[in-house]
């Protein structure tokens, strides 16, 4: 594979996994190139605490769907349009300071291309509605942005330099740095972006992996969830950040030429619900998690 083909391969793989650059780009999770993708994820029930206050048994599940294609627009440049939807259910006691559901409905707008035989670029915008969908207005609109350049000096090393922007996040602009090393013909190490971990191609149909990844999102909350603690404003017309850092192992299996399934499971390293502009944060016990995905490429 020449460097030009390798650069486009790296771009496709990176845009499909942008969700692991914490915390502001978790919104980009599954915008897969040329793919219909659906997934289900569940993290088990655990307690959340703030000071001496404890909320028992909160679990979380999410269903996601995305569809994305490609349109050549110039030599060495592709436009990737698509749509995405996610529905996150938070199993929480009544009268808790958390919504029962949050959702996302967005467009995937990506442009990828080459500067030279060693340098490539990616621009990914995801405009849409992110919130509890109780009241949908302009305040629920967000357009997270991801910009990156890729440097591939040879077929074994890829450097990733980028920045994310997300108006709903407490830190709206963050740098991204990553390194991808091909340690052997079938063994790859990713550091920092889009994930940290090892992957091993057992054969042409089966890939095994292990490492750390991020799960979550940023949402506009319109429903009045009450005053959660003395000195804290009521939790409505504000923003909720959901973050899980997950460690685990998984596998991707190619069922047919254009159809693959994925399965992952593990244990969380950190769980958090936060309302940044209300200075209210809940930290959770670590729990087990599992996810499944089905991807159809065309």
C-alpha atoms as a PDB file:
ATOM      1  CA  UNK A   1       0.000   0.000   0.000  1.00  0.00           C
ATOM      2  CA  UNK A   2       1.488   3.395  -0.980  1.00  0.00           C
ATOM      3  CA  UNK A   3       1.457   6.387   1.387  1.00  0.00           C
ATOM      4  CA  UNK A   4      -1.386   8.096  -0.471  1.00  0.00           C
ATOM      5  CA  UNK A   5      -3.668   5.077  -0.019  1.00  0.00           C
ATOM      6  CA  UNK A   6      -2.472   4.680   3.558  1.00  0.00           C
ATOM      7  CA  UNK A   7      -3.397   8.279   4.387  1.00  0.00           C
ATOM      8  CA  UNK A   8      -6.975   7.803   3.182  1.00  0.00           C
ATOM      9  CA  UNK A   9      -7.189   4.551   5.152  1.00  0.00           C
ATOM     10  CA  UNK A  10      -6.027   6.356   8.300  1.00  0.00           C
ATOM     11  CA  UNK A  11      -8.573   9.129   7.725  1.00  0.00           C
ATOM     12  CA  UNK A  12     -11.429   6.649   7.375  1.00  0.00           C
ATOM     13  CA  UNK A  13     -10.421   4.729  10.478  1.00  0.00           C
ATOM     14  CA  UNK A  14      -9.972   7.898  12.526  1.00  0.00           C
ATOM     15  CA  UNK A  15     -13.298   9.485  11.644  1.00  0.00           C
ATOM     16  CA  UNK A  16     -15.016   6.239  12.585  1.00  0.00           C
ATOM     17  CA  UNK A  17     -13.547   6.359  16.093  1.00  0.00           C
ATOM     18  CA  UNK A  18     -13.293  10.051  16.885  1.00  0.00           C
ATOM     19  CA  UNK A  19     -15.295   9.499  20.066  1.00  0.00           C
ATOM     20  CA  UNK A  20     -12.278   8.613  22.188  1.00  0.00           C
ATOM     21  CA  UNK A  21     -10.711  12.064  22.387  1.00  0.00           C
ATOM     22  CA  UNK A  22     -11.932  13.140  25.819  1.00  0.00           C
ATOM     23  CA  UNK A  23     -13.856  15.060  26.765  1.00  0.00           C
ATOM     24  CA  UNK A  24     -15.286  17.444  24.188  1.00  0.00           C
ATOM     25  CA  UNK A  25     -15.325  15.167  21.161  1.00  0.00           C
ATOM     26  CA  UNK A  26     -17.191  12.210  22.591  1.00  0.00           C
ATOM     27  CA  UNK A  27     -20.092  13.551  20.585  1.00  0.00           C
ATOM     28  CA  UNK A  28     -18.488  12.299  17.355  1.00  0.00           C
ATOM     29  CA  UNK A  29     -18.557   8.627  18.349  1.00  0.00           C
ATOM     30  CA  UNK A  30     -19.747   6.455  15.445  1.00  0.00           C
ATOM     31  CA  UNK A  31     -19.673   8.597  12.298  1.00  0.00           C
ATOM     32  CA  UNK A  32     -18.425   5.748  10.154  1.00  0.00           C
ATOM     33  CA  UNK A  33     -17.310   6.271   6.592  1.00  0.00           C
ATOM     34  CA  UNK A  34     -19.484   4.590   3.914  1.00  0.00           C
ATOM     35  CA  UNK A  35     -21.378   2.649   6.558  1.00  0.00           C
ATOM     36  CA  UNK A  36     -24.744   1.970   8.128  1.00  0.00           C
ATOM     37  CA  UNK A  37     -23.893   1.397  11.792  1.00  0.00           C
ATOM     38  CA  UNK A  38     -26.006   0.548  14.825  1.00  0.00           C
ATOM     39  CA  UNK A  39     -24.895  -0.193  18.361  1.00  0.00           C
ATOM     40  CA  UNK A  40     -26.152  -0.851  21.873  1.00  0.00           C
ATOM     41  CA  UNK A  41     -24.223  -0.136  25.056  1.00  0.00           C
ATOM     42  CA  UNK A  42     -25.034  -0.799  28.714  1.00  0.00           C
ATOM     43  CA  UNK A  43     -23.183   0.103  31.904  1.00  0.00           C
ATOM     44  CA  UNK A  44     -24.371  -1.550  35.106  1.00  0.00           C
ATOM     45  CA  UNK A  45     -26.086  -0.106  38.154  1.00  0.00           C
ATOM     46  CA  UNK A  46     -23.864   1.709  40.629  1.00  0.00           C
ATOM     47  CA  UNK A  47     -24.117   4.382  43.292  1.00  0.00           C
ATOM     48  CA  UNK A  48     -23.326   8.047  42.647  1.00  0.00           C
ATOM     49  CA  UNK A  49     -22.201  10.461  45.343  1.00  0.00           C
ATOM     50  CA  UNK A  50     -21.698  14.134  46.035  1.00  0.00           C
ATOM     51  CA  UNK A  51     -20.241  14.755  49.459  1.00  0.00           C
ATOM     52  CA  UNK A  52     -22.437  12.920  51.946  1.00  0.00           C
ATOM     53  CA  UNK A  53     -25.324  12.557  49.495  1.00  0.00           C
ATOM     54  CA  UNK A  54     -25.720   9.228  47.686  1.00  0.00           C
ATOM     55  CA  UNK A  55     -28.042   8.140  44.875  1.00  0.00           C
ATOM     56  CA  UNK A  56     -28.415   4.385  44.656  1.00  0.00           C
ATOM     57  CA  UNK A  57     -28.336   2.124  41.631  1.00  0.00           C
ATOM     58  CA  UNK A  58     -27.966   4.284  38.505  1.00  0.00           C
ATOM     59  CA  UNK A  59     -27.424   2.391  35.246  1.00  0.00           C
ATOM     60  CA  UNK A  60     -27.209   3.673  31.697  1.00  0.00           C
ATOM     61  CA  UNK A  61     -27.957   2.279  28.250  1.00  0.00           C
ATOM     62  CA  UNK A  62     -27.648   3.775  24.788  1.00  0.00           C
ATOM     63  CA  UNK A  63     -28.849   2.886  21.302  1.00  0.00           C
ATOM     64  CA  UNK A  64     -27.116   4.571  18.368  1.00  0.00           C
ATOM     65  CA  UNK A  65     -27.540   4.635  14.621  1.00  0.00           C
ATOM     66  CA  UNK A  66     -25.520   6.411  11.953  1.00  0.00           C
ATOM     67  CA  UNK A  67     -25.325   6.387   8.174  1.00  0.00           C
ATOM     68  CA  UNK A  68     -22.558   8.015   6.193  1.00  0.00           C
ATOM     69  CA  UNK A  69     -21.420   8.093   2.570  1.00  0.00           C
ATOM     70  CA  UNK A  70     -18.774   9.732   0.446  1.00  0.00           C
ATOM     71  CA  UNK A  71     -18.828  12.151  -2.471  1.00  0.00           C
ATOM     72  CA  UNK A  72     -15.627  12.978  -4.407  1.00  0.00           C
ATOM     73  CA  UNK A  73     -15.401  16.755  -4.793  1.00  0.00           C
ATOM     74  CA  UNK A  74     -11.853  17.226  -6.102  1.00  0.00           C
ATOM     75  CA  UNK A  75      -8.624  15.377  -6.662  1.00  0.00           C
ATOM     76  CA  UNK A  76      -7.583  13.934  -3.307  1.00  0.00           C
ATOM     77  CA  UNK A  77     -10.689  15.295  -1.498  1.00  0.00           C
ATOM     78  CA  UNK A  78     -13.888  13.586  -0.310  1.00  0.00           C
ATOM     79  CA  UNK A  79     -17.071  14.939   1.258  1.00  0.00           C
ATOM     80  CA  UNK A  80     -18.738  12.615   3.795  1.00  0.00           C
ATOM     81  CA  UNK A  81     -22.418  13.446   4.448  1.00  0.00           C
ATOM     82  CA  UNK A  82     -24.559  11.483   6.869  1.00  0.00           C
ATOM     83  CA  UNK A  83     -27.043  11.365   9.725  1.00  0.00           C
ATOM     84  CA  UNK A  84     -26.839  10.084  13.305  1.00  0.00           C
ATOM     85  CA  UNK A  85     -29.255   9.424  16.155  1.00  0.00           C
ATOM     86  CA  UNK A  86     -28.703   8.263  19.724  1.00  0.00           C
ATOM     87  CA  UNK A  87     -31.036   7.627  22.652  1.00  0.00           C
ATOM     88  CA  UNK A  88     -29.537   7.302  26.140  1.00  0.00           C
ATOM     89  CA  UNK A  89     -31.675   5.960  28.978  1.00  0.00           C
ATOM     90  CA  UNK A  90     -30.625   6.726  32.556  1.00  0.00           C
ATOM     91  CA  UNK A  91     -32.210   4.354  35.043  1.00  0.00           C
ATOM     92  CA  UNK A  92     -32.389   6.596  38.084  1.00  0.00           C
ATOM     93  CA  UNK A  93     -34.734   6.929  41.094  1.00  0.00           C
ATOM     94  CA  UNK A  94     -37.646   9.331  40.839  1.00  0.00           C
ATOM     95  CA  UNK A  95     -36.889  12.897  41.942  1.00  0.00           C
ATOM     96  CA  UNK A  96     -33.168  12.444  41.313  1.00  0.00           C
ATOM     97  CA  UNK A  97     -31.164  15.324  39.747  1.00  0.00           C
ATOM     98  CA  UNK A  98     -30.818  13.423  36.466  1.00  0.00           C
ATOM     99  CA  UNK A  99     -33.046  13.199  33.381  1.00  0.00           C
ATOM    100  CA  UNK A 100     -34.553   9.863  32.422  1.00  0.00           C
ATOM    101  CA  UNK A 101     -33.358  10.200  28.823  1.00  0.00           C
ATOM    102  CA  UNK A 102     -31.142  12.356  26.633  1.00  0.00           C
ATOM    103  CA  UNK A 103     -31.006  12.208  22.848  1.00  0.00           C
ATOM    104  CA  UNK A 104     -29.054  13.372  19.841  1.00  0.00           C
ATOM    105  CA  UNK A 105     -30.227  13.887  16.279  1.00  0.00           C
ATOM    106  CA  UNK A 106     -27.510  15.295  14.066  1.00  0.00           C
ATOM    107  CA  UNK A 107     -25.946  15.503  10.649  1.00  0.00           C
ATOM    108  CA  UNK A 108     -22.455  14.176   9.920  1.00  0.00           C
ATOM    109  CA  UNK A 109     -20.538  16.581   7.696  1.00  0.00           C
ATOM    110  CA  UNK A 110     -16.955  15.600   6.992  1.00  0.00           C
ATOM    111  CA  UNK A 111     -14.283  16.638   4.526  1.00  0.00           C
ATOM    112  CA  UNK A 112     -11.068  14.655   4.232  1.00  0.00           C
ATOM    113  CA  UNK A 113      -8.181  14.995   1.864  1.00  0.00           C
ATOM    114  CA  UNK A 114      -4.455  15.118   1.235  1.00  0.00           C
ATOM    115  CA  UNK A 115      -1.948  17.938   1.525  1.00  0.00           C
ATOM    116  CA  UNK A 116       0.885  15.790   0.215  1.00  0.00           C
ATOM    117  CA  UNK A 117       1.993  12.161   0.139  1.00  0.00           C
ATOM    118  CA  UNK A 118       2.759  12.358   3.900  1.00  0.00           C
ATOM    119  CA  UNK A 119       0.187  14.858   5.218  1.00  0.00           C
ATOM    120  CA  UNK A 120      -3.613  14.629   5.288  1.00  0.00           C
ATOM    121  CA  UNK A 121      -6.434  16.582   6.907  1.00  0.00           C
ATOM    122  CA  UNK A 122      -9.897  16.016   8.322  1.00  0.00           C
ATOM    123  CA  UNK A 123     -12.715  18.463   9.104  1.00  0.00           C
ATOM    124  CA  UNK A 124     -15.750  16.965  10.868  1.00  0.00           C
ATOM    125  CA  UNK A 125     -18.828  18.955  11.884  1.00  0.00           C
ATOM    126  CA  UNK A 126     -21.839  17.438  13.646  1.00  0.00           C
ATOM    127  CA  UNK A 127     -24.683  20.008  13.804  1.00  0.00           C
ATOM    128  CA  UNK A 128     -27.895  18.890  15.487  1.00  0.00           C
ATOM    129  CA  UNK A 129     -30.120  18.800  18.548  1.00  0.00           C
ATOM    130  CA  UNK A 130     -28.581  17.506  21.787  1.00  0.00           C
ATOM    131  CA  UNK A 131     -30.779  17.431  24.862  1.00  0.00           C
ATOM    132  CA  UNK A 132     -33.607  15.957  26.893  1.00  0.00           C
ATOM    133  CA  UNK A 133     -36.091  16.714  24.038  1.00  0.00           C
ATOM    134  CA  UNK A 134     -38.615  18.030  26.575  1.00  0.00           C
ATOM    135  CA  UNK A 135     -38.516  21.416  24.879  1.00  0.00           C
ATOM    136  CA  UNK A 136     -36.648  21.775  21.609  1.00  0.00           C
ATOM    137  CA  UNK A 137     -35.402  25.255  20.799  1.00  0.00           C
ATOM    138  CA  UNK A 138     -32.338  27.070  19.586  1.00  0.00           C
ATOM    139  CA  UNK A 139     -30.590  26.472  22.940  1.00  0.00           C
ATOM    140  CA  UNK A 140     -30.614  22.731  22.224  1.00  0.00           C
ATOM    141  CA  UNK A 141     -28.725  23.202  18.946  1.00  0.00           C
ATOM    142  CA  UNK A 142     -25.023  22.448  18.935  1.00  0.00           C
ATOM    143  CA  UNK A 143     -22.408  21.912  16.228  1.00  0.00           C
ATOM    144  CA  UNK A 144     -19.342  20.119  17.652  1.00  0.00           C
ATOM    145  CA  UNK A 145     -16.296  20.498  15.432  1.00  0.00           C
ATOM    146  CA  UNK A 146     -13.181  18.378  15.005  1.00  0.00           C
ATOM    147  CA  UNK A 147     -10.117  19.486  13.009  1.00  0.00           C
ATOM    148  CA  UNK A 148      -7.082  17.267  12.514  1.00  0.00           C
ATOM    149  CA  UNK A 149      -3.964  16.772  10.481  1.00  0.00           C
ATOM    150  CA  UNK A 150      -2.258  13.406   9.998  1.00  0.00           C
ATOM    151  CA  UNK A 151       1.450  12.883   9.410  1.00  0.00           C
ATOM    152  CA  UNK A 152       2.454   9.489   8.031  1.00  0.00           C
ATOM    153  CA  UNK A 153       6.220   9.371   7.470  1.00  0.00           C
ATOM    154  CA  UNK A 154       6.083   5.647   6.702  1.00  0.00           C
ATOM    155  CA  UNK A 155       3.719   2.680   6.837  1.00  0.00           C
ATOM    156  CA  UNK A 156       4.463   2.043  10.527  1.00  0.00           C
ATOM    157  CA  UNK A 157       3.898   5.461  12.162  1.00  0.00           C
ATOM    158  CA  UNK A 158       0.983   7.915  12.132  1.00  0.00           C
ATOM    159  CA  UNK A 159       0.949  11.156  14.122  1.00  0.00           C
ATOM    160  CA  UNK A 160      -2.389  12.904  14.734  1.00  0.00           C
ATOM    161  CA  UNK A 161      -2.604  16.599  15.653  1.00  0.00           C
ATOM    162  CA  UNK A 162      -5.965  18.248  16.157  1.00  0.00           C
ATOM    163  CA  UNK A 163      -8.408  20.368  18.087  1.00  0.00           C
ATOM    164  CA  UNK A 164     -12.014  19.870  19.168  1.00  0.00           C
ATOM    165  CA  UNK A 165     -14.662  22.515  19.788  1.00  0.00           C
ATOM    166  CA  UNK A 166     -17.949  21.933  21.623  1.00  0.00           C
ATOM    167  CA  UNK A 167     -20.031  24.851  22.905  1.00  0.00           C
ATOM    168  CA  UNK A 168     -21.903  22.614  25.390  1.00  0.00           C
ATOM    169  CA  UNK A 169     -18.715  21.542  27.154  1.00  0.00           C
ATOM    170  CA  UNK A 170     -17.173  23.299  30.163  1.00  0.00           C
ATOM    171  CA  UNK A 171     -13.885  23.346  28.235  1.00  0.00           C
ATOM    172  CA  UNK A 172     -15.169  24.250  24.775  1.00  0.00           C
ATOM    173  CA  UNK A 173     -11.830  24.002  22.951  1.00  0.00           C
ATOM    174  CA  UNK A 174      -9.276  21.242  23.530  1.00  0.00           C
ATOM    175  CA  UNK A 175      -6.161  20.045  21.715  1.00  0.00           C
ATOM    176  CA  UNK A 176      -5.861  16.462  20.496  1.00  0.00           C
ATOM    177  CA  UNK A 177      -2.631  14.510  20.080  1.00  0.00           C
ATOM    178  CA  UNK A 178      -2.301  10.886  19.070  1.00  0.00           C
ATOM    179  CA  UNK A 179       0.186   8.307  17.872  1.00  0.00           C
ATOM    180  CA  UNK A 180      -0.488   5.079  16.001  1.00  0.00           C
ATOM    181  CA  UNK A 181       2.307   2.506  15.752  1.00  0.00           C
ATOM    182  CA  UNK A 182       2.286  -0.658  13.690  1.00  0.00           C
ATOM    183  CA  UNK A 183       4.389  -2.921  15.906  1.00  0.00           C
ATOM    184  CA  UNK A 184       4.122  -5.959  13.640  1.00  0.00           C
ATOM    185  CA  UNK A 185       2.214  -7.055  10.559  1.00  0.00           C
ATOM    186  CA  UNK A 186      -0.926  -7.790  12.599  1.00  0.00           C
ATOM    187  CA  UNK A 187      -0.305  -5.772  15.808  1.00  0.00           C
ATOM    188  CA  UNK A 188      -1.118  -2.074  16.287  1.00  0.00           C
ATOM    189  CA  UNK A 189      -0.689   0.281  19.264  1.00  0.00           C
ATOM    190  CA  UNK A 190      -2.792   3.458  19.603  1.00  0.00           C
ATOM    191  CA  UNK A 191      -1.809   6.122  22.136  1.00  0.00           C
ATOM    192  CA  UNK A 192      -4.004   9.073  23.053  1.00  0.00           C
ATOM    193  CA  UNK A 193      -6.189   9.360  19.965  1.00  0.00           C
ATOM    194  CA  UNK A 194      -8.552   7.939  18.894  1.00  0.00           C
ATOM    195  CA  UNK A 195      -8.035   5.459  21.714  1.00  0.00           C
ATOM    196  CA  UNK A 196      -5.310   3.989  23.885  1.00  0.00           C
ATOM    197  CA  UNK A 197      -4.803   0.276  23.450  1.00  0.00           C
ATOM    198  CA  UNK A 198      -3.612  -2.642  21.376  1.00  0.00           C
ATOM    199  CA  UNK A 199      -5.361  -4.364  18.470  1.00  0.00           C
ATOM    200  CA  UNK A 200      -4.390  -7.658  16.886  1.00  0.00           C
ATOM    201  CA  UNK A 201      -5.633  -8.972  13.548  1.00  0.00           C
ATOM    202  CA  UNK A 202      -5.959 -12.668  14.330  1.00  0.00           C
ATOM    203  CA  UNK A 203      -6.862 -13.299  10.696  1.00  0.00           C
ATOM    204  CA  UNK A 204      -8.611 -11.493   7.836  1.00  0.00           C
ATOM    205  CA  UNK A 205     -12.001 -11.885   9.544  1.00  0.00           C
ATOM    206  CA  UNK A 206     -11.241 -11.474  13.264  1.00  0.00           C
ATOM    207  CA  UNK A 207      -9.613  -8.561  15.108  1.00  0.00           C
ATOM    208  CA  UNK A 208      -9.063  -8.544  18.875  1.00  0.00           C
ATOM    209  CA  UNK A 209      -8.441  -5.415  20.957  1.00  0.00           C
ATOM    210  CA  UNK A 210      -8.012  -4.101  24.461  1.00  0.00           C
ATOM    211  CA  UNK A 211      -7.499  -0.739  26.102  1.00  0.00           C
ATOM    212  CA  UNK A 212      -9.211   2.449  27.264  1.00  0.00           C
ATOM    213  CA  UNK A 213     -11.997   4.394  25.566  1.00  0.00           C
ATOM    214  CA  UNK A 214     -14.415   7.200  26.412  1.00  0.00           C
ATOM    215  CA  UNK A 215     -18.223   7.207  26.414  1.00  0.00           C
ATOM    216  CA  UNK A 216     -20.586  10.099  27.031  1.00  0.00           C
ATOM    217  CA  UNK A 217     -21.858  13.351  25.620  1.00  0.00           C
ATOM    218  CA  UNK A 218     -23.018  16.902  26.324  1.00  0.00           C
ATOM    219  CA  UNK A 219     -26.721  17.767  26.438  1.00  0.00           C
ATOM    220  CA  UNK A 220     -29.070  20.687  27.010  1.00  0.00           C
ATOM    221  CA  UNK A 221     -31.486  20.045  29.906  1.00  0.00           C
ATOM    222  CA  UNK A 222     -34.753  21.995  29.768  1.00  0.00           C
ATOM    223  CA  UNK A 223     -36.903  20.097  32.254  1.00  0.00           C
ATOM    224  CA  UNK A 224     -36.822  21.425  35.830  1.00  0.00           C
ATOM    225  CA  UNK A 225     -35.169  18.671  37.879  1.00  0.00           C
ATOM    226  CA  UNK A 226     -35.354  20.705  41.065  1.00  0.00           C
ATOM    227  CA  UNK A 227     -32.734  22.052  43.462  1.00  0.00           C
ATOM    228  CA  UNK A 228     -30.341  19.155  44.178  1.00  0.00           C
ATOM    229  CA  UNK A 229     -28.476  20.687  47.138  1.00  0.00           C
ATOM    230  CA  UNK A 230     -28.382  23.845  49.264  1.00  0.00           C
ATOM    231  CA  UNK A 231     -26.682  26.684  47.446  1.00  0.00           C
ATOM    232  CA  UNK A 232     -27.167  25.095  44.007  1.00  0.00           C
ATOM    233  CA  UNK A 233     -29.476  26.592  41.399  1.00  0.00           C
ATOM    234  CA  UNK A 234     -32.360  24.552  40.039  1.00  0.00           C
ATOM    235  CA  UNK A 235     -31.359  22.112  37.320  1.00  0.00           C
ATOM    236  CA  UNK A 236     -33.194  23.406  34.291  1.00  0.00           C
ATOM    237  CA  UNK A 237     -32.065  25.390  31.262  1.00  0.00           C
ATOM    238  CA  UNK A 238     -28.547  24.119  31.821  1.00  0.00           C
ATOM    239  CA  UNK A 239     -26.096  21.576  30.423  1.00  0.00           C
ATOM    240  CA  UNK A 240     -25.313  18.017  31.483  1.00  0.00           C
ATOM    241  CA  UNK A 241     -21.967  16.338  30.799  1.00  0.00           C
ATOM    242  CA  UNK A 242     -21.941  12.518  30.867  1.00  0.00           C
ATOM    243  CA  UNK A 243     -18.534  10.848  31.014  1.00  0.00           C
ATOM    244  CA  UNK A 244     -17.363   7.270  31.405  1.00  0.00           C
ATOM    245  CA  UNK A 245     -13.783   6.119  30.949  1.00  0.00           C
ATOM    246  CA  UNK A 246     -13.927   2.442  30.048  1.00  0.00           C
ATOM    247  CA  UNK A 247     -11.290  -0.240  30.131  1.00  0.00           C
ATOM    248  CA  UNK A 248     -11.954  -3.522  28.407  1.00  0.00           C
ATOM    249  CA  UNK A 249     -11.441  -6.021  25.638  1.00  0.00           C
ATOM    250  CA  UNK A 250     -13.365  -6.697  22.467  1.00  0.00           C
ATOM    251  CA  UNK A 251     -13.487  -8.239  19.036  1.00  0.00           C
ATOM    252  CA  UNK A 252     -14.648  -7.421  15.532  1.00  0.00           C
ATOM    253  CA  UNK A 253     -15.749 -10.318  13.309  1.00  0.00           C
ATOM    254  CA  UNK A 254     -16.442 -10.023   9.593  1.00  0.00           C
ATOM    255  CA  UNK A 255     -19.543 -12.091   8.825  1.00  0.00           C
ATOM    256  CA  UNK A 256     -19.491 -11.258   5.124  1.00  0.00           C
ATOM    257  CA  UNK A 257     -17.548  -9.013   2.775  1.00  0.00           C
ATOM    258  CA  UNK A 258     -19.465  -5.893   3.836  1.00  0.00           C
ATOM    259  CA  UNK A 259     -20.922  -6.943   7.179  1.00  0.00           C
ATOM    260  CA  UNK A 260     -19.219  -7.084  10.579  1.00  0.00           C
ATOM    261  CA  UNK A 261     -20.218  -7.390  14.205  1.00  0.00           C
ATOM    262  CA  UNK A 262     -18.440  -5.990  17.257  1.00  0.00           C
ATOM    263  CA  UNK A 263     -18.601  -6.976  20.915  1.00  0.00           C
ATOM    264  CA  UNK A 264     -16.794  -5.317  23.834  1.00  0.00           C
ATOM    265  CA  UNK A 265     -16.960  -5.575  27.607  1.00  0.00           C
ATOM    266  CA  UNK A 266     -14.999  -4.436  30.618  1.00  0.00           C
ATOM    267  CA  UNK A 267     -14.975  -2.266  33.727  1.00  0.00           C
ATOM    268  CA  UNK A 268     -15.216   1.497  34.053  1.00  0.00           C
ATOM    269  CA  UNK A 269     -12.276   3.493  35.382  1.00  0.00           C
ATOM    270  CA  UNK A 270     -14.363   6.624  36.002  1.00  0.00           C
ATOM    271  CA  UNK A 271     -18.053   7.632  35.882  1.00  0.00           C
ATOM    272  CA  UNK A 272     -19.387  11.155  36.198  1.00  0.00           C
ATOM    273  CA  UNK A 273     -22.508  13.280  35.702  1.00  0.00           C
ATOM    274  CA  UNK A 274     -21.815  17.009  35.856  1.00  0.00           C
ATOM    275  CA  UNK A 275     -23.719  20.274  35.488  1.00  0.00           C
ATOM    276  CA  UNK A 276     -20.730  22.623  35.006  1.00  0.00           C
ATOM    277  CA  UNK A 277     -22.551  25.946  35.205  1.00  0.00           C
ATOM    278  CA  UNK A 278     -24.366  24.827  38.372  1.00  0.00           C
ATOM    279  CA  UNK A 279     -21.156  23.581  39.995  1.00  0.00           C
ATOM    280  CA  UNK A 280     -22.845  20.239  40.657  1.00  0.00           C
ATOM    281  CA  UNK A 281     -21.055  16.944  40.060  1.00  0.00           C
ATOM    282  CA  UNK A 282     -21.936  13.333  40.856  1.00  0.00           C
ATOM    283  CA  UNK A 283     -19.131  10.757  40.946  1.00  0.00           C
ATOM    284  CA  UNK A 284     -20.077   7.135  40.467  1.00  0.00           C
ATOM    285  CA  UNK A 285     -18.826   3.754  41.570  1.00  0.00           C
ATOM    286  CA  UNK A 286     -17.095   1.756  38.863  1.00  0.00           C
ATOM    287  CA  UNK A 287     -19.185  -0.949  37.214  1.00  0.00           C
ATOM    288  CA  UNK A 288     -19.098  -3.462  34.377  1.00  0.00           C
ATOM    289  CA  UNK A 289     -20.159  -2.453  30.870  1.00  0.00           C
ATOM    290  CA  UNK A 290     -20.887  -4.175  27.578  1.00  0.00           C
ATOM    291  CA  UNK A 291     -21.538  -3.039  23.997  1.00  0.00           C
ATOM    292  CA  UNK A 292     -22.542  -4.595  20.673  1.00  0.00           C
ATOM    293  CA  UNK A 293     -22.460  -3.143  17.191  1.00  0.00           C
ATOM    294  CA  UNK A 294     -23.432  -4.096  13.641  1.00  0.00           C
ATOM    295  CA  UNK A 295     -21.809  -2.308  10.688  1.00  0.00           C
ATOM    296  CA  UNK A 296     -22.672  -2.650   7.025  1.00  0.00           C
ATOM    297  CA  UNK A 297     -20.287  -1.099   4.540  1.00  0.00           C
ATOM    298  CA  UNK A 298     -21.149  -0.283   0.951  1.00  0.00           C
END
